[in-house]
Amino acid sequence: MKVISKLLPALKWKLVISGIGVLALAVFSSLLLIEAQKAEVALTEDGKKQTVKTHANTVEELLNEEGIAIGEHDDLSPGPATAIEDGMMINVKHAKQVVVKIDGAEKEYFTTEETIGEFLKANDLSFTKHDDTSFAPDDAIKDGLELKIKKAFQIAVNDGGDKQQYWTTGGTIEEFLAAKDITYEADSDDKIEPALDEQVTRDTAITITRIEKLPNIVLEEPVPIETETKKDDTLEKGEEKVIKEGKQGKLEKTYEAYKKNGEEKRGDLINTEITVESVNRIVAIGAKEPESETASEPNVVKPVSSNNDSNAEVLYMTATAFTADCSGCSGHTATGIDLKANPNAKVIAVDPNVIPLGSKVWVEGYGNAIAADTGGFSGNHIDLHVPTKADAYSFGRKKVKVKLIN
């Protein structure tokens, strides 16, 4: 009995240990069964892939288990309510913030695209090759990325008459010209408008006037003959006599010369110089009182004063002057007088309907004369013969008193 009593405690311990083993085996078997019942899912978050075993019923529950939050701009595939299936693939892309500044105007975007080019396409943003951008289309998207764009516009440039349109995004006139390889010499006479330090805007129009200096121009001009008068007591009043013929002088004028946009131009007058002095024409003016008219010789015109012949017909006429000393002039009057042979002959051309040809007349400031020629005029107009062109130019056009002697 003693032996049996000693064996009983040992047997009890063996039974207890055996029971614990059975229980542990049962728990382990249960755990294996539970583990075997989990779904195996491939979860990719922002490109990082992992395998997850889960008892979650939906994608949303799985993400909550993994501590993954989904924002309103994030991309989740499949959707949060999708049931979990063994072997399924879940992809999570967290959106990144992108700030776009176009000509200073700022707008915020959120995107799950990988590159800037994909982002621009997804948001219908397009830019031309002329625009100034701070990025390349293949650049990767990073959270907080800032994209800067300056939109290009066209302006007109008139370069020495050559008109073209150019794309630009602004800057100063000087920077624009350098960017477009439009050259100019800083110390040249070229003119650029607007000024080089002004800003280029959409309303800017640039004009470049190309100036090229040329040798000075020297022009020669005649110096007019001046008429000097002297009283002569040997000549009756109303008579004139040329004592000395004048002579034209010569004057040189020097002008700056240049090309403006390829066209030659005459600039400012910079010097004048008389190279030949002119000689005055000297004319004697009658101062002698005329004698009373007596029997006159045939074809001789006696002087008539303006106040001593109450019977003479008086006319007030327009007077000009002509000369036979000209190219193509015959020198013969309508009545046959050769004026080239008699350059000092006192002859007037008239309208025969007013003053008959052959009439003897006295003309104020000209003296006694004969109406021996006709002119290309009519009415109260006479043309006085003078020796030279200079005399004709000097006489000009004036109103005179005319007395018909016979």
Protein backbone atom coordinates (compact mmCIF):
# COMPACT_ATOMS: atom_id res chain seq x y z
CA MET A 1 0.00 0.00 0.00
CA LYS A 2 2.84 2.29 0.79
CA VAL A 3 4.26 1.72 -2.62
CA ILE A 4 0.97 2.55 -4.26
CA SER A 5 0.59 5.69 -2.20
CA LYS A 6 3.99 6.86 -3.30
CA LEU A 7 3.23 6.30 -6.97
CA LEU A 8 -0.05 8.25 -7.02
CA PRO A 9 1.38 11.87 -6.93
CA ALA A 10 3.76 11.14 -9.77
CA LEU A 11 0.97 9.76 -11.81
CA LYS A 12 -1.12 12.86 -11.15
CA TRP A 13 1.67 15.10 -12.39
CA LYS A 14 2.02 13.11 -15.54
CA LEU A 15 -1.69 13.39 -16.19
CA VAL A 16 -1.60 17.20 -15.63
CA ILE A 17 1.35 17.69 -17.96
CA SER A 18 -0.28 15.53 -20.58
CA GLY A 19 -3.48 17.64 -20.37
CA ILE A 20 -1.57 20.88 -20.81
CA GLY A 21 0.13 19.51 -23.90
CA VAL A 22 -3.17 18.55 -25.39
CA LEU A 23 -4.57 22.03 -24.68
CA ALA A 24 -1.53 23.79 -26.20
CA LEU A 25 -1.79 21.64 -29.24
CA ALA A 26 -5.43 22.53 -29.59
CA VAL A 27 -4.69 26.30 -29.27
CA PHE A 28 -1.83 26.09 -31.78
CA SER A 29 -4.05 24.17 -34.16
CA SER A 30 -6.71 26.86 -33.79
CA LEU A 31 -4.18 29.60 -34.49
CA LEU A 32 -2.97 27.78 -37.56
CA LEU A 33 -6.54 27.45 -38.69
CA ILE A 34 -7.23 31.18 -38.10
CA GLU A 35 -4.02 32.18 -39.88
CA ALA A 36 -4.90 29.91 -42.76
CA GLN A 37 -8.26 31.67 -43.06
CA LYS A 38 -6.67 35.18 -43.58
CA ALA A 39 -6.72 36.69 -47.11
CA GLU A 40 -3.36 37.54 -48.60
CA VAL A 41 -3.36 40.98 -50.34
CA ALA A 42 -0.70 42.90 -52.33
CA LEU A 43 -0.74 46.51 -51.03
CA THR A 44 1.21 49.24 -52.91
CA GLU A 45 1.47 52.70 -51.33
CA ASP A 46 3.16 55.42 -53.42
CA GLY A 47 5.15 52.79 -55.27
CA LYS A 48 6.19 50.80 -52.15
CA LYS A 49 4.80 47.26 -52.33
CA GLN A 50 4.07 44.87 -49.42
CA THR A 51 2.08 41.67 -48.82
CA VAL A 52 -0.60 41.86 -46.14
CA LYS A 53 -2.67 39.05 -44.57
CA THR A 54 -5.96 40.23 -43.21
CA HIS A 55 -9.37 39.25 -41.96
CA ALA A 56 -10.70 42.68 -43.06
CA ASN A 57 -13.88 42.55 -45.07
CA THR A 58 -13.32 45.70 -47.20
CA VAL A 59 -10.45 47.74 -48.61
CA GLU A 60 -11.31 50.58 -46.22
CA GLU A 61 -11.05 48.25 -43.20
CA LEU A 62 -7.70 46.97 -44.42
CA LEU A 63 -6.33 50.51 -44.82
CA ASN A 64 -7.55 51.40 -41.34
CA GLU A 65 -5.75 48.30 -39.99
CA GLU A 66 -2.56 49.47 -41.70
CA GLY A 67 -2.98 53.09 -40.54
CA ILE A 68 -3.23 54.44 -44.08
CA ALA A 69 -5.42 57.59 -44.41
CA ILE A 70 -7.00 58.50 -47.76
CA GLY A 71 -7.52 62.22 -48.59
CA GLU A 72 -10.07 63.63 -51.07
CA HIS A 73 -7.41 64.09 -53.79
CA ASP A 74 -5.71 60.70 -53.22
CA ASP A 75 -6.07 57.89 -55.73
CA LEU A 76 -7.29 54.49 -54.39
CA SER A 77 -7.80 51.41 -56.53
CA PRO A 78 -10.05 49.51 -56.03
CA GLY A 79 -12.53 51.70 -54.14
CA PRO A 80 -12.87 51.68 -50.32
CA ALA A 81 -16.09 49.63 -50.31
CA THR A 82 -14.60 46.81 -52.39
CA ALA A 83 -14.65 43.40 -50.63
CA ILE A 84 -11.29 41.87 -49.78
CA GLU A 85 -10.36 38.82 -51.80
CA ASP A 86 -7.36 36.58 -51.47
CA GLY A 87 -4.69 37.56 -53.97
CA MET A 88 -6.17 40.98 -54.78
CA MET A 89 -3.98 44.08 -55.49
CA ILE A 90 -4.62 47.39 -53.79
CA ASN A 91 -2.89 50.56 -55.01
CA VAL A 92 -2.75 53.81 -53.02
CA LYS A 93 -1.37 57.07 -54.44
CA HIS A 94 -1.26 60.08 -52.16
CA ALA A 95 -1.84 63.40 -53.98
CA LYS A 96 0.92 66.01 -54.01
CA GLN A 97 0.39 69.78 -53.88
CA VAL A 98 1.46 71.74 -56.98
CA VAL A 99 1.32 75.56 -57.18
CA VAL A 100 1.14 77.04 -60.71
CA LYS A 101 2.06 80.73 -61.22
CA ILE A 102 1.18 82.12 -64.68
CA ASP A 103 2.33 85.74 -65.18
CA GLY A 104 2.16 86.18 -61.39
CA ALA A 105 -1.37 84.74 -61.00
CA GLU A 106 -1.24 81.78 -58.60
CA LYS A 107 -3.41 78.62 -58.48
CA GLU A 108 -3.16 75.50 -56.27
CA TYR A 109 -3.55 71.94 -57.60
CA PHE A 110 -3.38 68.42 -56.12
CA THR A 111 -2.25 65.56 -58.33
CA THR A 112 -1.27 61.92 -58.29
CA GLU A 113 0.56 62.14 -61.62
CA GLU A 114 4.20 61.19 -61.68
CA THR A 115 5.66 63.82 -64.04
CA ILE A 116 5.01 67.50 -64.77
CA GLY A 117 4.05 66.66 -68.35
CA GLU A 118 1.37 64.22 -67.15
CA PHE A 119 0.14 66.79 -64.62
CA LEU A 120 -0.20 69.52 -67.28
CA LYS A 121 -2.08 67.20 -69.62
CA ALA A 122 -4.43 66.02 -66.88
CA ASN A 123 -5.30 69.63 -66.00
CA ASP A 124 -5.57 70.94 -69.59
CA LEU A 125 -2.59 73.24 -69.14
CA SER A 126 -0.55 73.87 -72.27
CA PHE A 127 2.31 76.21 -73.09
CA THR A 128 4.15 77.14 -76.28
CA LYS A 129 7.85 76.93 -76.98
CA HIS A 130 7.99 80.73 -76.75
CA ASP A 131 6.77 80.77 -73.11
CA ASP A 132 9.31 81.04 -70.29
CA THR A 133 8.86 78.04 -67.94
CA SER A 134 10.75 76.96 -64.80
CA PHE A 135 10.46 73.21 -65.53
CA ALA A 136 10.83 70.42 -68.04
CA PRO A 137 7.92 68.08 -68.92
CA ASP A 138 9.89 65.01 -67.74
CA ASP A 139 10.59 66.45 -64.29
CA ALA A 140 9.11 64.39 -61.39
CA ILE A 141 6.26 65.79 -59.28
CA LYS A 142 7.22 66.60 -55.69
CA ASP A 143 4.90 67.73 -52.94
CA GLY A 144 4.85 71.52 -52.69
CA LEU A 145 6.25 71.93 -56.23
CA GLU A 146 5.99 75.46 -57.68
CA LEU A 147 5.73 75.92 -61.45
CA LYS A 148 6.43 79.39 -62.84
CA ILE A 149 5.32 80.39 -66.35
CA LYS A 150 5.65 83.71 -68.21
CA LYS A 151 3.38 83.68 -71.25
CA ALA A 152 4.94 84.94 -74.48
CA PHE A 153 3.40 87.66 -76.65
CA GLN A 154 4.32 89.25 -79.97
CA ILE A 155 5.60 92.78 -80.56
CA ALA A 156 6.41 94.66 -83.78
CA VAL A 157 9.97 95.73 -84.60
CA ASN A 158 10.81 98.17 -87.40
CA ASP A 159 14.55 97.79 -87.92
CA GLY A 160 15.64 100.35 -90.49
CA GLY A 161 12.46 99.81 -92.52
CA ASP A 162 12.49 96.00 -92.11
CA LYS A 163 9.29 95.19 -90.21
CA GLN A 164 8.96 91.89 -88.30
CA GLN A 165 7.02 90.33 -85.42
CA TYR A 166 8.91 88.76 -82.50
CA TRP A 167 7.84 86.59 -79.55
CA THR A 168 8.94 87.74 -76.10
CA THR A 169 8.10 87.34 -72.42
CA GLY A 170 9.14 90.86 -71.45
CA GLY A 171 12.21 92.43 -69.89
CA THR A 172 13.86 95.68 -70.97
CA ILE A 173 14.26 96.85 -74.58
CA GLU A 174 18.02 96.23 -74.25
CA GLU A 175 17.49 92.64 -73.03
CA PHE A 176 15.00 91.95 -75.80
CA LEU A 177 17.36 93.17 -78.55
CA ALA A 178 20.19 91.06 -77.13
CA ALA A 179 17.96 87.95 -76.97
CA LYS A 180 16.91 88.41 -80.61
CA ASP A 181 20.47 89.16 -81.84
CA ILE A 182 19.41 92.61 -83.07
CA THR A 183 22.70 94.48 -82.95
CA TYR A 184 23.53 98.18 -82.78
CA GLU A 185 26.59 100.25 -81.96
CA ALA A 186 26.34 101.96 -78.59
CA ASP A 187 28.29 105.00 -79.82
CA SER A 188 26.60 105.17 -83.24
CA ASP A 189 23.98 107.67 -84.42
CA ASP A 190 21.32 104.94 -84.58
CA LYS A 191 18.11 105.89 -82.80
CA ILE A 192 16.13 103.32 -80.78
CA GLU A 193 12.63 104.01 -79.51
CA PRO A 194 11.48 103.37 -76.81
CA ALA A 195 14.63 103.86 -74.69
CA LEU A 196 16.80 100.83 -73.91
CA ASP A 197 15.92 100.83 -70.20
CA GLU A 198 12.15 100.79 -70.75
CA GLN A 199 10.13 97.61 -70.19
CA VAL A 200 8.67 95.58 -73.05
CA THR A 201 4.88 95.22 -72.82
CA ARG A 202 2.19 93.85 -75.10
CA ASP A 203 1.69 97.38 -76.48
CA THR A 204 5.38 97.97 -77.22
CA ALA A 205 6.45 98.74 -80.80
CA ILE A 206 10.21 99.15 -81.30
CA THR A 207 11.60 101.42 -84.02
CA ILE A 208 15.30 101.41 -84.89
CA THR A 209 16.42 104.21 -87.22
CA ARG A 210 19.75 103.31 -88.81
CA ILE A 211 21.93 106.38 -89.36
CA GLU A 212 25.15 106.27 -91.41
CA LYS A 213 27.28 109.38 -91.78
CA LEU A 214 28.40 110.36 -95.30
CA PRO A 215 30.88 112.96 -96.59
CA ASN A 216 29.54 116.52 -96.45
CA ILE A 217 27.63 117.92 -99.43
CA VAL A 218 28.90 121.17 -100.98
CA LEU A 219 26.40 123.10 -103.13
CA GLU A 220 27.11 126.21 -105.17
CA GLU A 221 24.53 128.97 -105.42
CA PRO A 222 24.61 132.30 -107.31
CA VAL A 223 24.78 135.49 -105.31
CA PRO A 224 22.07 137.83 -106.71
CA ILE A 225 23.18 141.07 -108.37
CA GLU A 226 22.15 144.13 -106.45
CA THR A 227 21.25 147.31 -108.34
CA GLU A 228 22.79 150.56 -107.23
CA THR A 229 21.15 153.77 -108.49
CA LYS A 230 22.67 157.20 -108.95
CA LYS A 231 20.98 160.46 -109.88
CA ASP A 232 22.13 161.87 -113.19
CA ASP A 233 21.34 165.50 -114.04
CA THR A 234 22.19 164.90 -117.69
CA LEU A 235 19.28 162.52 -118.06
CA GLU A 236 15.72 163.71 -118.05
CA LYS A 237 13.43 162.53 -115.32
CA GLY A 238 11.98 159.11 -116.13
CA GLU A 239 15.06 158.03 -118.08
CA GLU A 240 17.49 155.40 -116.89
CA LYS A 241 20.90 154.40 -118.13
CA VAL A 242 22.96 151.37 -117.19
CA ILE A 243 26.42 152.61 -116.25
CA LYS A 244 27.86 149.28 -115.21
CA GLU A 245 26.54 145.78 -115.73
CA GLY A 246 26.57 143.69 -112.59
CA LYS A 247 28.11 140.30 -112.16
CA GLN A 248 26.74 137.40 -110.16
CA GLY A 249 28.86 136.06 -107.36
CA LYS A 250 29.13 132.47 -106.12
CA LEU A 251 28.29 131.08 -102.71
CA GLU A 252 29.24 127.63 -101.42
CA LYS A 253 27.00 126.01 -98.82
CA THR A 254 28.22 122.95 -96.91
CA TYR A 255 25.64 120.53 -95.51
CA GLU A 256 25.96 117.42 -93.39
CA ALA A 257 25.03 114.22 -95.26
CA TYR A 258 23.89 110.84 -93.99
CA LYS A 259 21.93 107.74 -94.84
CA LYS A 260 18.68 107.20 -92.98
CA ASN A 261 17.62 103.57 -93.24
CA GLY A 262 19.66 103.31 -96.43
CA GLU A 263 18.28 106.49 -98.04
CA GLU A 264 20.63 109.41 -98.57
CA LYS A 265 19.60 112.62 -96.80
CA ARG A 266 20.89 116.18 -96.59
CA GLY A 267 21.36 117.37 -93.02
CA ASP A 268 21.99 120.72 -91.36
CA LEU A 269 23.82 123.61 -93.00
CA ILE A 270 27.21 123.78 -91.29
CA ASN A 271 29.13 126.38 -93.32
CA THR A 272 28.68 129.08 -95.95
CA GLU A 273 31.48 130.70 -97.94
CA ILE A 274 31.46 133.27 -100.75
CA THR A 275 33.91 132.04 -103.37
CA VAL A 276 33.26 134.78 -105.94
CA GLU A 277 32.20 138.28 -104.90
CA SER A 278 29.24 139.75 -106.78
CA VAL A 279 29.51 143.12 -108.59
CA ASN A 280 26.65 145.59 -108.23
CA ARG A 281 24.77 146.83 -111.29
CA ILE A 282 24.88 150.63 -111.46
CA VAL A 283 21.98 152.49 -113.05
CA ALA A 284 21.78 156.24 -113.62
CA ILE A 285 18.36 157.75 -112.89
CA GLY A 286 17.41 160.91 -114.75
CA ALA A 287 17.04 164.02 -112.60
CA LYS A 288 16.81 166.70 -115.32
CA GLU A 289 13.49 168.42 -115.86
CA PRO A 290 12.23 167.74 -119.41
CA GLU A 291 12.05 170.62 -121.90
CA SER A 292 8.78 171.67 -123.51
CA GLU A 293 7.91 169.67 -126.54
CA THR A 294 8.43 171.43 -129.89
CA ALA A 295 8.40 170.14 -133.41
CA SER A 296 10.06 166.78 -133.09
CA GLU A 297 12.07 164.90 -135.55
CA PRO A 298 10.44 161.89 -137.19
CA ASN A 299 10.53 158.70 -135.09
CA VAL A 300 12.19 160.51 -132.13
CA VAL A 301 10.38 160.19 -128.80
CA LYS A 302 10.45 163.33 -126.70
CA PRO A 303 10.39 163.00 -122.93
CA VAL A 304 7.05 163.54 -121.29
CA SER A 305 6.72 164.36 -117.63
CA SER A 306 3.95 162.98 -115.51
CA ASN A 307 2.49 166.43 -114.88
CA ASN A 308 3.21 168.71 -117.84
CA ASP A 309 1.09 167.22 -120.63
CA SER A 310 -2.58 167.52 -119.88
CA ASN A 311 -3.52 166.25 -123.35
CA ALA A 312 -1.68 162.88 -123.09
CA GLU A 313 -3.79 159.82 -122.43
CA VAL A 314 -2.81 158.28 -119.10
CA LEU A 315 -3.10 154.58 -118.29
CA TYR A 316 -2.29 152.68 -115.14
CA MET A 317 -0.93 149.26 -116.11
CA THR A 318 0.75 146.14 -114.78
CA ALA A 319 4.38 146.01 -115.93
CA THR A 320 6.82 143.12 -116.14
CA ALA A 321 10.21 142.87 -117.90
CA PHE A 322 11.68 140.67 -120.63
CA THR A 323 15.03 140.28 -122.36
CA ALA A 324 16.20 139.05 -125.74
CA ASP A 325 19.32 137.67 -124.05
CA CYS A 326 17.97 134.15 -123.65
CA SER A 327 18.39 130.73 -125.26
CA GLY A 328 15.94 130.29 -128.14
CA CYS A 329 14.97 133.97 -128.29
CA SER A 330 15.05 135.44 -131.84
CA GLY A 331 15.58 138.98 -130.57
CA HIS A 332 13.31 140.50 -133.24
CA THR A 333 10.17 142.38 -132.26
CA ALA A 334 6.83 142.23 -134.08
CA THR A 335 7.79 145.48 -135.85
CA GLY A 336 11.25 144.23 -136.87
CA ILE A 337 13.57 145.81 -134.27
CA ASP A 338 16.64 143.63 -133.55
CA LEU A 339 16.93 143.77 -129.78
CA LYS A 340 20.03 141.58 -129.66
CA ALA A 341 21.80 144.16 -131.79
CA ASN A 342 20.31 146.97 -129.61
CA PRO A 343 20.28 145.54 -126.03
CA ASN A 344 19.57 148.97 -124.51
CA ALA A 345 16.64 149.80 -126.81
CA LYS A 346 13.59 151.14 -124.96
CA VAL A 347 10.87 148.88 -126.32
CA ILE A 348 7.67 147.64 -124.71
CA ALA A 349 5.42 144.73 -125.69
CA VAL A 350 1.72 145.58 -125.61
CA ASP A 351 -1.78 144.39 -126.35
CA PRO A 352 -2.40 146.20 -129.67
CA ASN A 353 -6.06 146.56 -128.76
CA VAL A 354 -5.04 148.78 -125.83
CA ILE A 355 -1.85 150.47 -127.13
CA PRO A 356 -1.42 150.39 -130.93
CA LEU A 357 1.90 149.09 -132.26
CA GLY A 358 4.27 151.92 -133.11
CA SER A 359 2.90 154.19 -130.38
CA LYS A 360 5.37 156.35 -128.49
CA VAL A 361 4.89 156.15 -124.74
CA TRP A 362 6.33 157.30 -121.45
CA VAL A 363 6.49 154.66 -118.71
CA GLU A 364 6.95 155.60 -115.08
CA GLY A 365 10.39 154.40 -113.91
CA TYR A 366 11.38 153.30 -117.42
CA GLY A 367 11.25 156.46 -119.51
CA ASN A 368 10.33 157.07 -123.15
CA ALA A 369 9.81 153.97 -125.27
CA ILE A 370 8.09 152.64 -128.37
CA ALA A 371 5.36 149.98 -128.47
CA ALA A 372 7.16 147.69 -130.93
CA ASP A 373 6.24 144.15 -129.81
CA THR A 374 3.33 141.99 -128.65
CA GLY A 375 3.32 139.65 -125.68
CA GLY A 376 1.44 136.58 -124.55
CA PHE A 377 -1.04 138.64 -122.56
CA SER A 378 -4.01 140.97 -123.06
CA GLY A 379 -5.50 144.07 -121.50
CA ASN A 380 -3.66 146.58 -119.31
CA HIS A 381 -0.37 144.68 -119.16
CA ILE A 382 2.95 145.77 -120.72
CA ASP A 383 6.34 144.03 -120.88
CA LEU A 384 9.44 146.23 -120.72
CA HIS A 385 12.60 145.24 -122.61
CA VAL A 386 15.77 145.12 -120.46
CA PRO A 387 19.30 144.04 -121.42
CA THR A 388 19.76 140.91 -119.23
CA LYS A 389 17.91 138.18 -117.35
CA ALA A 390 19.18 139.62 -114.07
CA ASP A 391 17.55 142.94 -114.98
CA ALA A 392 14.28 141.17 -115.75
CA TYR A 393 14.34 139.26 -112.45
CA SER A 394 15.24 142.43 -110.57
CA PHE A 395 12.36 144.40 -112.11
CA GLY A 396 9.76 141.89 -111.02
CA ARG A 397 6.10 142.91 -111.36
CA LYS A 398 4.67 146.32 -110.49
CA LYS A 399 1.94 148.88 -111.24
CA VAL A 400 3.12 151.84 -113.36
CA LYS A 401 1.74 155.01 -114.90
CA VAL A 402 1.83 155.08 -118.73
CA LYS A 403 1.32 158.14 -120.98
CA LEU A 404 0.55 157.74 -124.67
CA ILE A 405 2.50 160.43 -126.51
CA ASN A 406 1.03 159.67 -129.93
